Amino acid sequence: MMFTRQERQVVLFLAALALLGVAADFAAKKFSSVKAIQFLEPDITKIELNSADRDLLMSVPGIGQKLGQRILEYRTQNGAFKEIEELKKIKGITDYRFRKIKNFFVVRE
């Protein structure tokens, strides 16, 4: 079965259009502004441990209501966190849990 000249042109046009769409999608994902910001400032997407409220703390996988409340109580009783490792002092944050949550946080001075 042979295509007419006009049918071949339509097929080529659609193929080129699809290829252009794939290239545009790739470029949008590769050079998105969010990724550019993360590249320039990797900690910008992390939660600041000294200013987070309980709801924000609970948005981290592995931190529920009780643990979120304990983090706030620790901060109230001991002052601002100086380093993320202080989370290990809170009841319920085991070494395993700490390894799972530590990359969600940043402590800014």
PDB file of N, CA and C in Angstrom:
ATOM      1  N   MET A   1       0.848  -1.163   0.000  1.00  0.00           N
ATOM      2  CA  MET A   1       0.000   0.000   0.000  1.00  0.00           C
ATOM      3  C   MET A   1       0.902   1.237   0.000  1.00  0.00           C
ATOM      4  N   MET A   2       0.703   2.092  -0.896  1.00  0.00           N
ATOM      5  CA  MET A   2       1.500   3.303  -1.036  1.00  0.00           C
ATOM      6  C   MET A   2       0.680   4.504  -0.591  1.00  0.00           C
ATOM      7  N   PHE A   3       1.366   5.420   0.051  1.00  0.00           N
ATOM      8  CA  PHE A   3       0.733   6.678   0.443  1.00  0.00           C
ATOM      9  C   PHE A   3       0.878   7.687  -0.692  1.00  0.00           C
ATOM     10  N   THR A   4      -0.092   8.537  -0.781  1.00  0.00           N
ATOM     11  CA  THR A   4       0.021   9.615  -1.767  1.00  0.00           C
ATOM     12  C   THR A   4       1.018  10.638  -1.225  1.00  0.00           C
ATOM     13  N   ARG A   5       1.405  11.517  -2.065  1.00  0.00           N
ATOM     14  CA  ARG A   5       2.366  12.553  -1.662  1.00  0.00           C
ATOM     15  C   ARG A   5       1.798  13.378  -0.509  1.00  0.00           C
ATOM     16  N   GLN A   6       0.550  13.723  -0.579  1.00  0.00           N
ATOM     17  CA  GLN A   6      -0.091  14.526   0.459  1.00  0.00           C
ATOM     18  C   GLN A   6      -0.166  13.746   1.780  1.00  0.00           C
ATOM     19  N   GLU A   7      -0.457  12.434   1.716  1.00  0.00           N
ATOM     20  CA  GLU A   7      -0.506  11.615   2.922  1.00  0.00           C
ATOM     21  C   GLU A   7       0.870  11.516   3.570  1.00  0.00           C
ATOM     22  N   ARG A   8       1.926  11.371   2.760  1.00  0.00           N
ATOM     23  CA  ARG A   8       3.293  11.322   3.293  1.00  0.00           C
ATOM     24  C   ARG A   8       3.640  12.630   4.001  1.00  0.00           C
ATOM     25  N   GLN A   9       3.222  13.742   3.435  1.00  0.00           N
ATOM     26  CA  GLN A   9       3.493  15.038   4.050  1.00  0.00           C
ATOM     27  C   GLN A   9       2.788  15.161   5.401  1.00  0.00           C
ATOM     28  N   VAL A  10       1.554  14.683   5.453  1.00  0.00           N
ATOM     29  CA  VAL A  10       0.810  14.733   6.715  1.00  0.00           C
ATOM     30  C   VAL A  10       1.488  13.859   7.762  1.00  0.00           C
ATOM     31  N   VAL A  11       1.913  12.652   7.383  1.00  0.00           N
ATOM     32  CA  VAL A  11       2.589  11.745   8.313  1.00  0.00           C
ATOM     33  C   VAL A  11       3.895  12.369   8.797  1.00  0.00           C
ATOM     34  N   LEU A  12       4.673  12.944   7.895  1.00  0.00           N
ATOM     35  CA  LEU A  12       5.920  13.598   8.282  1.00  0.00           C
ATOM     36  C   LEU A  12       5.654  14.789   9.200  1.00  0.00           C
ATOM     37  N   PHE A  13       4.641  15.562   8.909  1.00  0.00           N
ATOM     38  CA  PHE A  13       4.288  16.700   9.744  1.00  0.00           C
ATOM     39  C   PHE A  13       3.918  16.243  11.152  1.00  0.00           C
ATOM     40  N   LEU A  14       3.089  15.200  11.261  1.00  0.00           N
ATOM     41  CA  LEU A  14       2.679  14.698  12.571  1.00  0.00           C
ATOM     42  C   LEU A  14       3.862  14.120  13.347  1.00  0.00           C
ATOM     43  N   ALA A  15       4.757  13.427  12.647  1.00  0.00           N
ATOM     44  CA  ALA A  15       5.952  12.885  13.304  1.00  0.00           C
ATOM     45  C   ALA A  15       6.839  14.016  13.818  1.00  0.00           C
ATOM     46  N   ALA A  16       7.018  15.050  13.011  1.00  0.00           N
ATOM     47  CA  ALA A  16       7.830  16.192  13.422  1.00  0.00           C
ATOM     48  C   ALA A  16       7.189  16.907  14.605  1.00  0.00           C
ATOM     49  N   LEU A  17       5.872  17.035  14.579  1.00  0.00           N
ATOM     50  CA  LEU A  17       5.155  17.675  15.668  1.00  0.00           C
ATOM     51  C   LEU A  17       5.306  16.876  16.973  1.00  0.00           C
ATOM     52  N   ALA A  18       5.209  15.558  16.885  1.00  0.00           N
ATOM     53  CA  ALA A  18       5.382  14.701  18.058  1.00  0.00           C
ATOM     54  C   ALA A  18       6.801  14.823  18.602  1.00  0.00           C
ATOM     55  N   LEU A  19       7.771  14.833  17.720  1.00  0.00           N
ATOM     56  CA  LEU A  19       9.168  14.965  18.130  1.00  0.00           C
ATOM     57  C   LEU A  19       9.408  16.318  18.797  1.00  0.00           C
ATOM     58  N   LEU A  20       8.817  17.348  18.264  1.00  0.00           N
ATOM     59  CA  LEU A  20       8.930  18.680  18.845  1.00  0.00           C
ATOM     60  C   LEU A  20       8.290  18.713  20.236  1.00  0.00           C
ATOM     61  N   GLY A  21       7.180  18.042  20.408  1.00  0.00           N
ATOM     62  CA  GLY A  21       6.517  17.972  21.711  1.00  0.00           C
ATOM     63  C   GLY A  21       7.364  17.260  22.745  1.00  0.00           C
ATOM     64  N   VAL A  22       7.988  16.156  22.338  1.00  0.00           N
ATOM     65  CA  VAL A  22       8.866  15.413  23.244  1.00  0.00           C
ATOM     66  C   VAL A  22      10.062  16.286  23.639  1.00  0.00           C
ATOM     67  N   ALA A  23      10.633  16.990  22.672  1.00  0.00           N
ATOM     68  CA  ALA A  23      11.774  17.862  22.960  1.00  0.00           C
ATOM     69  C   ALA A  23      11.375  18.996  23.894  1.00  0.00           C
ATOM     70  N   ALA A  24      10.204  19.567  23.688  1.00  0.00           N
ATOM     71  CA  ALA A  24       9.736  20.654  24.553  1.00  0.00           C
ATOM     72  C   ALA A  24       9.498  20.151  25.974  1.00  0.00           C
ATOM     73  N   ASP A  25       8.921  18.972  26.117  1.00  0.00           N
ATOM     74  CA  ASP A  25       8.687  18.384  27.433  1.00  0.00           C
ATOM     75  C   ASP A  25      10.012  18.130  28.150  1.00  0.00           C
ATOM     76  N   PHE A  26      10.978  17.589  27.425  1.00  0.00           N
ATOM     77  CA  PHE A  26      12.299  17.324  27.993  1.00  0.00           C
ATOM     78  C   PHE A  26      12.937  18.622  28.472  1.00  0.00           C
ATOM     79  N   ALA A  27      12.900  19.652  27.627  1.00  0.00           N
ATOM     80  CA  ALA A  27      13.507  20.939  27.979  1.00  0.00           C
ATOM     81  C   ALA A  27      12.811  21.553  29.191  1.00  0.00           C
ATOM     82  N   ALA A  28      11.497  21.441  29.250  1.00  0.00           N
ATOM     83  CA  ALA A  28      10.750  22.015  30.372  1.00  0.00           C
ATOM     84  C   ALA A  28      11.125  21.331  31.682  1.00  0.00           C
ATOM     85  N   LYS A  29      11.283  20.021  31.644  1.00  0.00           N
ATOM     86  CA  LYS A  29      11.654  19.292  32.856  1.00  0.00           C
ATOM     87  C   LYS A  29      13.102  19.541  33.236  1.00  0.00           C
ATOM     88  N   LYS A  30      13.960  19.583  32.262  1.00  0.00           N
ATOM     89  CA  LYS A  30      15.393  19.741  32.538  1.00  0.00           C
ATOM     90  C   LYS A  30      15.729  21.130  33.039  1.00  0.00           C
ATOM     91  N   PHE A  31      15.075  22.136  32.514  1.00  0.00           N
ATOM     92  CA  PHE A  31      15.429  23.501  32.839  1.00  0.00           C
ATOM     93  C   PHE A  31      14.330  24.249  33.587  1.00  0.00           C
ATOM     94  N   SER A  32      13.499  23.512  34.327  1.00  0.00           N
ATOM     95  CA  SER A  32      12.420  24.179  35.057  1.00  0.00           C
ATOM     96  C   SER A  32      12.999  25.099  36.122  1.00  0.00           C
ATOM     97  N   SER A  33      12.276  26.122  36.469  1.00  0.00           N
ATOM     98  CA  SER A  33      12.765  27.103  37.444  1.00  0.00           C
ATOM     99  C   SER A  33      12.936  26.482  38.822  1.00  0.00           C
ATOM    100  N   VAL A  34      12.077  25.533  39.188  1.00  0.00           N
ATOM    101  CA  VAL A  34      12.210  24.895  40.497  1.00  0.00           C
ATOM    102  C   VAL A  34      13.516  24.137  40.575  1.00  0.00           C
ATOM    103  N   LYS A  35      13.841  23.376  39.561  1.00  0.00           N
ATOM    104  CA  LYS A  35      15.096  22.647  39.577  1.00  0.00           C
ATOM    105  C   LYS A  35      16.278  23.606  39.567  1.00  0.00           C
ATOM    106  N   ALA A  36      16.152  24.704  38.856  1.00  0.00           N
ATOM    107  CA  ALA A  36      17.235  25.684  38.833  1.00  0.00           C
ATOM    108  C   ALA A  36      17.433  26.264  40.225  1.00  0.00           C
ATOM    109  N   ILE A  37      16.346  26.544  40.930  1.00  0.00           N
ATOM    110  CA  ILE A  37      16.450  27.071  42.285  1.00  0.00           C
ATOM    111  C   ILE A  37      17.087  26.039  43.201  1.00  0.00           C
ATOM    112  N   GLN A  38      16.681  24.778  43.070  1.00  0.00           N
ATOM    113  CA  GLN A  38      17.261  23.733  43.898  1.00  0.00           C
ATOM    114  C   GLN A  38      18.747  23.584  43.621  1.00  0.00           C
ATOM    115  N   PHE A  39      19.138  23.780  42.397  1.00  0.00           N
ATOM    116  CA  PHE A  39      20.550  23.668  42.047  1.00  0.00           C
ATOM    117  C   PHE A  39      21.335  24.799  42.705  1.00  0.00           C
ATOM    118  N   LEU A  40      20.762  26.002  42.681  1.00  0.00           N
ATOM    119  CA  LEU A  40      21.448  27.156  43.249  1.00  0.00           C
ATOM    120  C   LEU A  40      21.425  27.140  44.771  1.00  0.00           C
ATOM    121  N   GLU A  41      20.309  26.734  45.356  1.00  0.00           N
ATOM    122  CA  GLU A  41      20.144  26.723  46.802  1.00  0.00           C
ATOM    123  C   GLU A  41      19.435  25.440  47.216  1.00  0.00           C
ATOM    124  N   PRO A  42      20.188  24.350  47.424  1.00  0.00           N
ATOM    125  CA  PRO A  42      19.557  23.056  47.701  1.00  0.00           C
ATOM    126  C   PRO A  42      18.701  23.038  48.971  1.00  0.00           C
ATOM    127  N   ASP A  43      19.010  23.877  49.958  1.00  0.00           N
ATOM    128  CA  ASP A  43      18.254  23.860  51.204  1.00  0.00           C
ATOM    129  C   ASP A  43      16.938  24.617  51.125  1.00  0.00           C
ATOM    130  N   ILE A  44      16.651  25.253  50.009  1.00  0.00           N
ATOM    131  CA  ILE A  44      15.441  26.073  49.906  1.00  0.00           C
ATOM    132  C   ILE A  44      14.166  25.228  50.001  1.00  0.00           C
ATOM    133  N   THR A  45      14.256  23.978  49.659  1.00  0.00           N
ATOM    134  CA  THR A  45      13.072  23.117  49.699  1.00  0.00           C
ATOM    135  C   THR A  45      12.965  22.357  51.018  1.00  0.00           C
ATOM    136  N   LYS A  46      13.870  22.612  51.953  1.00  0.00           N
ATOM    137  CA  LYS A  46      13.841  21.922  53.241  1.00  0.00           C
ATOM    138  C   LYS A  46      13.074  22.744  54.273  1.00  0.00           C
ATOM    139  N   ILE A  47      12.620  22.072  55.302  1.00  0.00           N
ATOM    140  CA  ILE A  47      11.855  22.709  56.374  1.00  0.00           C
ATOM    141  C   ILE A  47      12.824  23.246  57.414  1.00  0.00           C
ATOM    142  N   GLU A  48      12.661  24.511  57.756  1.00  0.00           N
ATOM    143  CA  GLU A  48      13.512  25.120  58.778  1.00  0.00           C
ATOM    144  C   GLU A  48      13.013  24.644  60.137  1.00  0.00           C
ATOM    145  N   LEU A  49      13.839  23.885  60.807  1.00  0.00           N
ATOM    146  CA  LEU A  49      13.454  23.189  62.028  1.00  0.00           C
ATOM    147  C   LEU A  49      13.060  24.146  63.156  1.00  0.00           C
ATOM    148  N   ASN A  50      13.634  25.323  63.201  1.00  0.00           N
ATOM    149  CA  ASN A  50      13.368  26.248  64.304  1.00  0.00           C
ATOM    150  C   ASN A  50      12.133  27.117  64.101  1.00  0.00           C
ATOM    151  N   SER A  51      11.550  27.086  62.925  1.00  0.00           N
ATOM    152  CA  SER A  51      10.358  27.921  62.716  1.00  0.00           C
ATOM    153  C   SER A  51       9.136  27.114  62.270  1.00  0.00           C
ATOM    154  N   ALA A  52       9.301  25.823  62.062  1.00  0.00           N
ATOM    155  CA  ALA A  52       8.188  24.995  61.578  1.00  0.00           C
ATOM    156  C   ALA A  52       7.135  24.804  62.660  1.00  0.00           C
ATOM    157  N   ASP A  53       5.860  24.870  62.255  1.00  0.00           N
ATOM    158  CA  ASP A  53       4.788  24.556  63.189  1.00  0.00           C
ATOM    159  C   ASP A  53       4.487  23.055  63.115  1.00  0.00           C
ATOM    160  N   ARG A  54       3.572  22.602  63.937  1.00  0.00           N
ATOM    161  CA  ARG A  54       3.302  21.167  64.010  1.00  0.00           C
ATOM    162  C   ARG A  54       2.788  20.602  62.688  1.00  0.00           C
ATOM    163  N   ASP A  55       1.921  21.340  62.010  1.00  0.00           N
ATOM    164  CA  ASP A  55       1.387  20.842  60.739  1.00  0.00           C
ATOM    165  C   ASP A  55       2.490  20.669  59.701  1.00  0.00           C
ATOM    166  N   LEU A  56       3.412  21.613  59.666  1.00  0.00           N
ATOM    167  CA  LEU A  56       4.516  21.506  58.722  1.00  0.00           C
ATOM    168  C   LEU A  56       5.421  20.338  59.088  1.00  0.00           C
ATOM    169  N   LEU A  57       5.689  20.156  60.362  1.00  0.00           N
ATOM    170  CA  LEU A  57       6.492  19.009  60.803  1.00  0.00           C
ATOM    171  C   LEU A  57       5.806  17.693  60.424  1.00  0.00           C
ATOM    172  N   MET A  58       4.474  17.671  60.557  1.00  0.00           N
ATOM    173  CA  MET A  58       3.726  16.454  60.244  1.00  0.00           C
ATOM    174  C   MET A  58       3.668  16.164  58.752  1.00  0.00           C
ATOM    175  N   SER A  59       4.063  17.099  57.927  1.00  0.00           N
ATOM    176  CA  SER A  59       4.094  16.849  56.485  1.00  0.00           C
ATOM    177  C   SER A  59       5.278  15.966  56.095  1.00  0.00           C
ATOM    178  N   VAL A  60       6.189  15.757  57.026  1.00  0.00           N
ATOM    179  CA  VAL A  60       7.340  14.889  56.784  1.00  0.00           C
ATOM    180  C   VAL A  60       6.915  13.441  57.039  1.00  0.00           C
ATOM    181  N   PRO A  61       7.152  12.553  56.082  1.00  0.00           N
ATOM    182  CA  PRO A  61       6.815  11.145  56.292  1.00  0.00           C
ATOM    183  C   PRO A  61       7.531  10.594  57.530  1.00  0.00           C
ATOM    184  N   GLY A  62       6.761  10.004  58.431  1.00  0.00           N
ATOM    185  CA  GLY A  62       7.349   9.442  59.647  1.00  0.00           C
ATOM    186  C   GLY A  62       7.138  10.307  60.871  1.00  0.00           C
ATOM    187  N   ILE A  63       6.585  11.505  60.676  1.00  0.00           N
ATOM    188  CA  ILE A  63       6.301  12.375  61.818  1.00  0.00           C
ATOM    189  C   ILE A  63       4.793  12.566  61.907  1.00  0.00           C
ATOM    190  N   GLY A  64       4.245  12.058  63.008  1.00  0.00           N
ATOM    191  CA  GLY A  64       2.817  12.193  63.244  1.00  0.00           C
ATOM    192  C   GLY A  64       2.543  13.305  64.247  1.00  0.00           C
ATOM    193  N   GLN A  65       1.320  13.328  64.781  1.00  0.00           N
ATOM    194  CA  GLN A  65       0.931  14.374  65.725  1.00  0.00           C
ATOM    195  C   GLN A  65       1.799  14.374  66.978  1.00  0.00           C
ATOM    196  N   LYS A  66       1.971  13.195  67.565  1.00  0.00           N
ATOM    197  CA  LYS A  66       2.729  13.108  68.816  1.00  0.00           C
ATOM    198  C   LYS A  66       4.174  13.535  68.626  1.00  0.00           C
ATOM    199  N   LEU A  67       4.800  13.037  67.603  1.00  0.00           N
ATOM    200  CA  LEU A  67       6.205  13.371  67.373  1.00  0.00           C
ATOM    201  C   LEU A  67       6.360  14.841  66.996  1.00  0.00           C
ATOM    202  N   GLY A  68       5.435  15.353  66.219  1.00  0.00           N
ATOM    203  CA  GLY A  68       5.459  16.774  65.889  1.00  0.00           C
ATOM    204  C   GLY A  68       5.353  17.624  67.148  1.00  0.00           C
ATOM    205  N   GLN A  69       4.480  17.222  68.051  1.00  0.00           N
ATOM    206  CA  GLN A  69       4.310  17.945  69.313  1.00  0.00           C
ATOM    207  C   GLN A  69       5.572  17.844  70.169  1.00  0.00           C
ATOM    208  N   ARG A  70       6.188  16.687  70.203  1.00  0.00           N
ATOM    209  CA  ARG A  70       7.421  16.511  70.986  1.00  0.00           C
ATOM    210  C   ARG A  70       8.552  17.391  70.457  1.00  0.00           C
ATOM    211  N   ILE A  71       8.623  17.531  69.148  1.00  0.00           N
ATOM    212  CA  ILE A  71       9.651  18.392  68.557  1.00  0.00           C
ATOM    213  C   ILE A  71       9.417  19.837  69.001  1.00  0.00           C
ATOM    214  N   LEU A  72       8.168  20.284  68.972  1.00  0.00           N
ATOM    215  CA  LEU A  72       7.854  21.646  69.408  1.00  0.00           C
ATOM    216  C   LEU A  72       8.160  21.844  70.892  1.00  0.00           C
ATOM    217  N   GLU A  73       7.822  20.855  71.703  1.00  0.00           N
ATOM    218  CA  GLU A  73       8.097  20.946  73.137  1.00  0.00           C
ATOM    219  C   GLU A  73       9.594  20.981  73.407  1.00  0.00           C
ATOM    220  N   TYR A  74      10.349  20.173  72.683  1.00  0.00           N
ATOM    221  CA  TYR A  74      11.807  20.177  72.843  1.00  0.00           C
ATOM    222  C   TYR A  74      12.350  21.565  72.505  1.00  0.00           C
ATOM    223  N   ARG A  75      11.873  22.135  71.432  1.00  0.00           N
ATOM    224  CA  ARG A  75      12.338  23.455  70.999  1.00  0.00           C
ATOM    225  C   ARG A  75      11.979  24.526  72.033  1.00  0.00           C
ATOM    226  N   THR A  76      10.800  24.412  72.626  1.00  0.00           N
ATOM    227  CA  THR A  76      10.374  25.376  73.646  1.00  0.00           C
ATOM    228  C   THR A  76      11.228  25.256  74.903  1.00  0.00           C
ATOM    229  N   GLN A  77      11.500  24.034  75.309  1.00  0.00           N
ATOM    230  CA  GLN A  77      12.247  23.797  76.550  1.00  0.00           C
ATOM    231  C   GLN A  77      13.744  24.036  76.411  1.00  0.00           C
ATOM    232  N   ASN A  78      14.295  23.776  75.225  1.00  0.00           N
ATOM    233  CA  ASN A  78      15.749  23.832  75.051  1.00  0.00           C
ATOM    234  C   ASN A  78      16.240  24.958  74.150  1.00  0.00           C
ATOM    235  N   GLY A  79      15.334  25.717  73.614  1.00  0.00           N
ATOM    236  CA  GLY A  79      15.732  26.783  72.705  1.00  0.00           C
ATOM    237  C   GLY A  79      15.888  26.241  71.293  1.00  0.00           C
ATOM    238  N   ALA A  80      16.343  27.105  70.433  1.00  0.00           N
ATOM    239  CA  ALA A  80      16.473  26.742  69.017  1.00  0.00           C
ATOM    240  C   ALA A  80      17.439  25.582  68.816  1.00  0.00           C
ATOM    241  N   PHE A  81      17.127  24.779  67.803  1.00  0.00           N
ATOM    242  CA  PHE A  81      18.035  23.703  67.424  1.00  0.00           C
ATOM    243  C   PHE A  81      19.310  24.321  66.867  1.00  0.00           C
ATOM    244  N   LYS A  82      20.433  23.787  67.265  1.00  0.00           N
ATOM    245  CA  LYS A  82      21.706  24.252  66.728  1.00  0.00           C
ATOM    246  C   LYS A  82      22.166  23.365  65.576  1.00  0.00           C
ATOM    247  N   GLU A  83      21.718  22.116  65.608  1.00  0.00           N
ATOM    248  CA  GLU A  83      22.024  21.166  64.539  1.00  0.00           C
ATOM    249  C   GLU A  83      20.921  20.125  64.457  1.00  0.00           C
ATOM    250  N   ILE A  84      20.759  19.545  63.300  1.00  0.00           N
ATOM    251  CA  ILE A  84      19.690  18.576  63.055  1.00  0.00           C
ATOM    252  C   ILE A  84      19.835  17.342  63.945  1.00  0.00           C
ATOM    253  N   GLU A  85      21.060  16.989  64.285  1.00  0.00           N
ATOM    254  CA  GLU A  85      21.309  15.800  65.102  1.00  0.00           C
ATOM    255  C   GLU A  85      20.633  15.863  66.467  1.00  0.00           C
ATOM    256  N   GLU A  86      20.260  17.061  66.921  1.00  0.00           N
ATOM    257  CA  GLU A  86      19.554  17.188  68.201  1.00  0.00           C
ATOM    258  C   GLU A  86      18.212  16.468  68.184  1.00  0.00           C
ATOM    259  N   LEU A  87      17.672  16.224  66.991  1.00  0.00           N
ATOM    260  CA  LEU A  87      16.409  15.482  66.902  1.00  0.00           C
ATOM    261  C   LEU A  87      16.514  14.119  67.570  1.00  0.00           C
ATOM    262  N   LYS A  88      17.701  13.549  67.594  1.00  0.00           N
ATOM    263  CA  LYS A  88      17.901  12.224  68.198  1.00  0.00           C
ATOM    264  C   LYS A  88      17.595  12.231  69.696  1.00  0.00           C
ATOM    265  N   LYS A  89      17.595  13.387  70.317  1.00  0.00           N
ATOM    266  CA  LYS A  89      17.340  13.488  71.748  1.00  0.00           C
ATOM    267  C   LYS A  89      15.852  13.415  72.075  1.00  0.00           C
ATOM    268  N   ILE A  90      15.019  13.458  71.062  1.00  0.00           N
ATOM    269  CA  ILE A  90      13.568  13.470  71.261  1.00  0.00           C
ATOM    270  C   ILE A  90      13.037  12.040  71.310  1.00  0.00           C
ATOM    271  N   LYS A  91      12.216  11.777  72.310  1.00  0.00           N
ATOM    272  CA  LYS A  91      11.625  10.447  72.471  1.00  0.00           C
ATOM    273  C   LYS A  91      10.865  10.079  71.194  1.00  0.00           C
ATOM    274  N   GLY A  92      11.148   8.905  70.665  1.00  0.00           N
ATOM    275  CA  GLY A  92      10.461   8.423  69.467  1.00  0.00           C
ATOM    276  C   GLY A  92      11.285   8.572  68.202  1.00  0.00           C
ATOM    277  N   ILE A  93      12.373   9.328  68.268  1.00  0.00           N
ATOM    278  CA  ILE A  93      13.241   9.458  67.093  1.00  0.00           C
ATOM    279  C   ILE A  93      14.435   8.539  67.286  1.00  0.00           C
ATOM    280  N   THR A  94      14.294   7.360  66.721  1.00  0.00           N
ATOM    281  CA  THR A  94      15.363   6.366  66.765  1.00  0.00           C
ATOM    282  C   THR A  94      16.394   6.703  65.693  1.00  0.00           C
ATOM    283  N   ASP A  95      17.504   5.993  65.704  1.00  0.00           N
ATOM    284  CA  ASP A  95      18.514   6.205  64.658  1.00  0.00           C
ATOM    285  C   ASP A  95      17.921   5.947  63.281  1.00  0.00           C
ATOM    286  N   TYR A  96      17.097   4.912  63.183  1.00  0.00           N
ATOM    287  CA  TYR A  96      16.461   4.577  61.905  1.00  0.00           C
ATOM    288  C   TYR A  96      15.560   5.717  61.434  1.00  0.00           C
ATOM    289  N   ARG A  97      14.699   6.202  62.322  1.00  0.00           N
ATOM    290  CA  ARG A  97      13.785   7.284  61.952  1.00  0.00           C
ATOM    291  C   ARG A  97      14.560   8.555  61.626  1.00  0.00           C
ATOM    292  N   PHE A  98      15.617   8.821  62.383  1.00  0.00           N
ATOM    293  CA  PHE A  98      16.425  10.006  62.124  1.00  0.00           C
ATOM    294  C   PHE A  98      17.010   9.968  60.711  1.00  0.00           C
ATOM    295  N   ARG A  99      17.521   8.821  60.323  1.00  0.00           N
ATOM    296  CA  ARG A  99      18.075   8.691  58.959  1.00  0.00           C
ATOM    297  C   ARG A  99      17.004   8.943  57.901  1.00  0.00           C
ATOM    298  N   LYS A 100      15.766   8.565  58.186  1.00  0.00           N
ATOM    299  CA  LYS A 100      14.665   8.753  57.235  1.00  0.00           C
ATOM    300  C   LYS A 100      14.200  10.211  57.131  1.00  0.00           C
ATOM    301  N   ILE A 101      14.297  10.973  58.219  1.00  0.00           N
ATOM    302  CA  ILE A 101      13.731  12.327  58.220  1.00  0.00           C
ATOM    303  C   ILE A 101      14.759  13.438  58.122  1.00  0.00           C
ATOM    304  N   LYS A 102      16.016  13.165  58.399  1.00  0.00           N
ATOM    305  CA  LYS A 102      17.001  14.248  58.533  1.00  0.00           C
ATOM    306  C   LYS A 102      17.147  15.106  57.278  1.00  0.00           C
ATOM    307  N   ASN A 103      16.973  14.522  56.105  1.00  0.00           N
ATOM    308  CA  ASN A 103      17.164  15.286  54.869  1.00  0.00           C
ATOM    309  C   ASN A 103      15.998  16.215  54.537  1.00  0.00           C
ATOM    310  N   PHE A 104      14.945  16.155  55.333  1.00  0.00           N
ATOM    311  CA  PHE A 104      13.809  17.055  55.128  1.00  0.00           C
ATOM    312  C   PHE A 104      14.021  18.398  55.830  1.00  0.00           C
ATOM    313  N   PHE A 105      15.039  18.468  56.691  1.00  0.00           N
ATOM    314  CA  PHE A 105      15.207  19.637  57.558  1.00  0.00           C
ATOM    315  C   PHE A 105      16.506  20.389  57.300  1.00  0.00           C
ATOM    316  N   VAL A 106      16.469  21.645  57.714  1.00  0.00           N
ATOM    317  CA  VAL A 106      17.659  22.484  57.725  1.00  0.00           C
ATOM    318  C   VAL A 106      17.583  23.356  58.972  1.00  0.00           C
ATOM    319  N   VAL A 107      18.743  23.667  59.546  1.00  0.00           N
ATOM    320  CA  VAL A 107      18.818  24.584  60.688  1.00  0.00           C
ATOM    321  C   VAL A 107      19.600  25.792  60.210  1.00  0.00           C
ATOM    322  N   ARG A 108      18.920  26.927  60.178  1.00  0.00           N
ATOM    323  CA  ARG A 108      19.585  28.173  59.776  1.00  0.00           C
ATOM    324  C   ARG A 108      19.876  29.000  61.005  1.00  0.00           C
ATOM    325  N   GLU A 109      20.971  29.681  60.994  1.00  0.00           N
ATOM    326  CA  GLU A 109      21.369  30.501  62.147  1.00  0.00           C
ATOM    327  C   GLU A 109      20.852  31.896  62.024  1.00  0.00           C
TER     328      GLU A 109
END
